[in-house]
Amino acid sequence: MLNMAAVVVRNTYGENLIGVLSKTGCRKLVILCHGFRASKEDRIMVNLSAALTVHGVSSFRFDFSGNGESEGPFQFGNYRGG
């Protein structure tokens, strides 16, 4: 049974990073990190999450700071900063 939940993680800079946790009941979890100038809602991220779910694996996809729904300025995607 799939259970999706919105997750907010506050980073060390006080910015809220927004993610989606797709729980299948399995202890295995894959963390999906999007690429430059992308977001957790890009088709490939959503499709990867769905494919993992079909195989019973939980996933967590999120937006880096300055991307998608997450807070913070977009500076080189903020991959170094937070």
N, C-alpha and C. Protein backbone atom coordinates (compact mmCIF):
# COMPACT_ATOMS: atom_id res chain seq x y z
N MET A 1 0.84 -1.19 0.00
CA MET A 1 0.00 0.00 0.00
C MET A 1 0.88 1.25 0.00
N LEU A 2 0.65 2.14 -0.94
CA LEU A 2 1.46 3.35 -1.07
C LEU A 2 0.89 4.45 -0.19
N ASN A 3 1.77 5.10 0.52
CA ASN A 3 1.39 6.22 1.38
C ASN A 3 2.34 7.36 1.06
N MET A 4 1.81 8.46 0.50
CA MET A 4 2.64 9.61 0.16
C MET A 4 2.43 10.70 1.20
N ALA A 5 3.52 11.35 1.57
CA ALA A 5 3.45 12.42 2.56
C ALA A 5 4.39 13.56 2.18
N ALA A 6 3.90 14.78 2.35
CA ALA A 6 4.75 15.95 2.17
C ALA A 6 5.68 16.05 3.38
N VAL A 7 6.93 16.40 3.12
CA VAL A 7 7.93 16.50 4.18
C VAL A 7 8.64 17.84 4.05
N VAL A 8 8.81 18.53 5.18
CA VAL A 8 9.56 19.79 5.21
C VAL A 8 10.79 19.56 6.09
N VAL A 9 11.96 19.83 5.52
CA VAL A 9 13.22 19.71 6.26
C VAL A 9 13.85 21.09 6.32
N ARG A 10 14.18 21.54 7.52
CA ARG A 10 14.82 22.85 7.69
C ARG A 10 16.33 22.64 7.66
N ASN A 11 17.02 23.32 6.73
CA ASN A 11 18.47 23.15 6.63
C ASN A 11 19.20 24.08 7.62
N THR A 12 20.51 24.01 7.63
CA THR A 12 21.30 24.79 8.58
C THR A 12 21.24 26.29 8.33
N TYR A 13 20.72 26.70 7.16
CA TYR A 13 20.58 28.12 6.84
C TYR A 13 19.18 28.64 7.15
N GLY A 14 18.36 27.81 7.78
CA GLY A 14 17.00 28.21 8.14
C GLY A 14 16.02 28.16 6.99
N GLU A 15 16.39 27.53 5.89
CA GLU A 15 15.51 27.42 4.73
C GLU A 15 14.74 26.10 4.79
N ASN A 16 13.47 26.15 4.40
CA ASN A 16 12.65 24.94 4.34
C ASN A 16 12.84 24.26 2.99
N LEU A 17 13.27 23.01 3.04
CA LEU A 17 13.39 22.19 1.85
C LEU A 17 12.16 21.31 1.79
N ILE A 18 11.50 21.28 0.63
CA ILE A 18 10.24 20.58 0.49
C ILE A 18 10.46 19.26 -0.25
N GLY A 19 9.87 18.19 0.29
CA GLY A 19 10.02 16.88 -0.32
C GLY A 19 8.74 16.07 -0.27
N VAL A 20 8.78 14.92 -0.95
CA VAL A 20 7.67 13.97 -0.97
C VAL A 20 8.23 12.60 -0.61
N LEU A 21 7.66 12.01 0.43
CA LEU A 21 8.05 10.66 0.86
C LEU A 21 6.98 9.69 0.38
N SER A 22 7.39 8.72 -0.43
CA SER A 22 6.48 7.67 -0.91
C SER A 22 6.83 6.39 -0.16
N LYS A 23 5.96 6.01 0.78
CA LYS A 23 6.23 4.84 1.63
C LYS A 23 5.46 3.63 1.10
N THR A 24 6.16 2.51 0.98
CA THR A 24 5.53 1.28 0.51
C THR A 24 5.38 0.25 1.62
N GLY A 25 5.94 0.53 2.79
CA GLY A 25 5.95 -0.44 3.87
C GLY A 25 7.26 -1.20 3.94
N CYS A 26 8.11 -0.98 2.96
CA CYS A 26 9.43 -1.62 2.90
C CYS A 26 10.45 -0.74 3.63
N ARG A 27 11.42 -1.36 4.26
CA ARG A 27 12.47 -0.60 4.95
C ARG A 27 13.49 0.00 3.99
N LYS A 28 13.51 -0.48 2.75
CA LYS A 28 14.42 0.07 1.75
C LYS A 28 13.92 1.45 1.33
N LEU A 29 14.86 2.40 1.20
CA LEU A 29 14.51 3.76 0.81
C LEU A 29 15.56 4.30 -0.15
N VAL A 30 15.08 4.86 -1.26
CA VAL A 30 15.97 5.50 -2.22
C VAL A 30 15.72 7.00 -2.15
N ILE A 31 16.79 7.78 -2.01
CA ILE A 31 16.68 9.24 -2.01
C ILE A 31 16.98 9.73 -3.42
N LEU A 32 16.00 10.41 -4.02
CA LEU A 32 16.12 10.89 -5.39
C LEU A 32 16.51 12.37 -5.38
N CYS A 33 17.65 12.69 -5.96
CA CYS A 33 18.16 14.06 -6.02
C CYS A 33 18.11 14.56 -7.45
N HIS A 34 17.39 15.65 -7.68
CA HIS A 34 17.25 16.17 -9.04
C HIS A 34 18.53 16.84 -9.52
N GLY A 35 18.57 17.11 -10.81
CA GLY A 35 19.73 17.74 -11.42
C GLY A 35 19.63 19.26 -11.42
N PHE A 36 20.59 19.89 -12.06
CA PHE A 36 20.70 21.34 -12.13
C PHE A 36 19.45 21.94 -12.78
N ARG A 37 18.89 22.97 -12.16
CA ARG A 37 17.71 23.70 -12.64
C ARG A 37 16.50 22.79 -12.83
N ALA A 38 16.35 21.83 -11.95
CA ALA A 38 15.23 20.90 -12.02
C ALA A 38 14.46 20.94 -10.70
N SER A 39 13.57 19.99 -10.51
CA SER A 39 12.83 19.91 -9.24
C SER A 39 12.35 18.48 -9.01
N LYS A 40 11.81 18.26 -7.84
CA LYS A 40 11.29 16.95 -7.48
C LYS A 40 10.09 16.56 -8.33
N GLU A 41 9.48 17.53 -9.00
CA GLU A 41 8.28 17.28 -9.81
C GLU A 41 8.59 17.03 -11.28
N ASP A 42 9.86 17.05 -11.67
CA ASP A 42 10.21 16.75 -13.06
C ASP A 42 9.76 15.32 -13.39
N ARG A 43 9.38 15.12 -14.62
CA ARG A 43 8.82 13.83 -15.04
C ARG A 43 9.71 12.66 -14.66
N ILE A 44 11.02 12.79 -14.85
CA ILE A 44 11.92 11.67 -14.56
C ILE A 44 11.91 11.33 -13.07
N MET A 45 11.81 12.35 -12.22
CA MET A 45 11.79 12.10 -10.77
C MET A 45 10.50 11.39 -10.36
N VAL A 46 9.39 11.86 -10.89
CA VAL A 46 8.09 11.25 -10.58
C VAL A 46 8.04 9.82 -11.11
N ASN A 47 8.54 9.61 -12.34
CA ASN A 47 8.55 8.27 -12.94
C ASN A 47 9.48 7.31 -12.19
N LEU A 48 10.64 7.80 -11.75
CA LEU A 48 11.55 6.96 -10.96
C LEU A 48 10.89 6.52 -9.65
N SER A 49 10.23 7.46 -9.00
CA SER A 49 9.53 7.15 -7.75
C SER A 49 8.45 6.10 -7.99
N ALA A 50 7.68 6.26 -9.07
CA ALA A 50 6.62 5.30 -9.39
C ALA A 50 7.20 3.91 -9.69
N ALA A 51 8.31 3.87 -10.43
CA ALA A 51 8.94 2.59 -10.76
C ALA A 51 9.45 1.88 -9.51
N LEU A 52 10.02 2.64 -8.60
CA LEU A 52 10.48 2.05 -7.34
C LEU A 52 9.30 1.50 -6.54
N THR A 53 8.21 2.24 -6.55
CA THR A 53 7.01 1.81 -5.83
C THR A 53 6.51 0.47 -6.36
N VAL A 54 6.51 0.31 -7.68
CA VAL A 54 6.06 -0.94 -8.30
C VAL A 54 6.88 -2.12 -7.76
N HIS A 55 8.14 -1.86 -7.46
CA HIS A 55 9.03 -2.91 -6.93
C HIS A 55 9.06 -2.94 -5.41
N GLY A 56 8.16 -2.18 -4.78
CA GLY A 56 8.03 -2.23 -3.33
C GLY A 56 9.07 -1.45 -2.57
N VAL A 57 9.76 -0.53 -3.24
CA VAL A 57 10.82 0.26 -2.59
C VAL A 57 10.30 1.68 -2.33
N SER A 58 10.47 2.16 -1.13
CA SER A 58 10.07 3.53 -0.77
C SER A 58 11.05 4.53 -1.36
N SER A 59 10.59 5.77 -1.56
CA SER A 59 11.49 6.80 -2.10
C SER A 59 11.19 8.15 -1.46
N PHE A 60 12.21 8.99 -1.48
CA PHE A 60 12.08 10.36 -1.02
C PHE A 60 12.69 11.26 -2.08
N ARG A 61 11.90 12.16 -2.63
CA ARG A 61 12.39 13.13 -3.62
C ARG A 61 12.15 14.52 -3.04
N PHE A 62 13.10 15.41 -3.25
CA PHE A 62 13.01 16.74 -2.64
C PHE A 62 13.61 17.78 -3.56
N ASP A 63 13.31 19.04 -3.26
CA ASP A 63 13.89 20.16 -3.99
C ASP A 63 15.06 20.73 -3.19
N PHE A 64 16.22 20.85 -3.84
CA PHE A 64 17.34 21.53 -3.21
C PHE A 64 16.95 22.99 -2.97
N SER A 65 17.63 23.68 -2.07
CA SER A 65 17.31 25.09 -1.81
C SER A 65 17.46 25.90 -3.09
N GLY A 66 16.51 26.82 -3.27
CA GLY A 66 16.52 27.65 -4.47
C GLY A 66 15.92 26.98 -5.69
N ASN A 67 15.38 25.79 -5.54
CA ASN A 67 14.78 25.03 -6.63
C ASN A 67 13.36 24.62 -6.24
N GLY A 68 12.48 24.50 -7.24
CA GLY A 68 11.12 24.02 -6.99
C GLY A 68 10.43 24.78 -5.88
N GLU A 69 9.88 24.05 -4.92
CA GLU A 69 9.14 24.66 -3.81
C GLU A 69 10.01 25.04 -2.62
N SER A 70 11.28 24.65 -2.64
CA SER A 70 12.14 24.92 -1.49
C SER A 70 12.56 26.39 -1.44
N GLU A 71 12.80 26.84 -0.23
CA GLU A 71 13.20 28.23 0.00
C GLU A 71 14.68 28.42 -0.33
N GLY A 72 15.07 29.70 -0.42
CA GLY A 72 16.46 30.06 -0.62
C GLY A 72 16.72 30.57 -2.01
N PRO A 73 17.81 31.29 -2.17
CA PRO A 73 18.17 31.82 -3.49
C PRO A 73 18.75 30.73 -4.38
N PHE A 74 18.54 30.86 -5.68
CA PHE A 74 19.17 29.92 -6.62
C PHE A 74 20.55 30.46 -6.96
N GLN A 75 21.57 29.81 -6.42
CA GLN A 75 22.96 30.16 -6.69
C GLN A 75 23.70 28.87 -7.01
N PHE A 76 23.90 28.63 -8.29
CA PHE A 76 24.53 27.38 -8.72
C PHE A 76 23.75 26.17 -8.20
N GLY A 77 22.43 26.37 -8.01
CA GLY A 77 21.60 25.29 -7.52
C GLY A 77 21.74 25.06 -6.03
N ASN A 78 22.65 25.80 -5.38
CA ASN A 78 22.88 25.67 -3.94
C ASN A 78 23.30 24.25 -3.52
N TYR A 79 23.92 23.51 -4.42
CA TYR A 79 24.35 22.17 -4.07
C TYR A 79 25.50 22.21 -3.07
N ARG A 80 26.30 23.26 -3.12
CA ARG A 80 27.40 23.38 -2.15
C ARG A 80 26.90 23.91 -0.81
N GLY A 81 25.99 24.87 -0.86
CA GLY A 81 25.57 25.58 0.35
C GLY A 81 24.56 24.88 1.21
N GLY A 82 23.69 24.10 0.67
CA GLY A 82 22.72 23.53 1.57
C GLY A 82 21.68 22.74 0.92
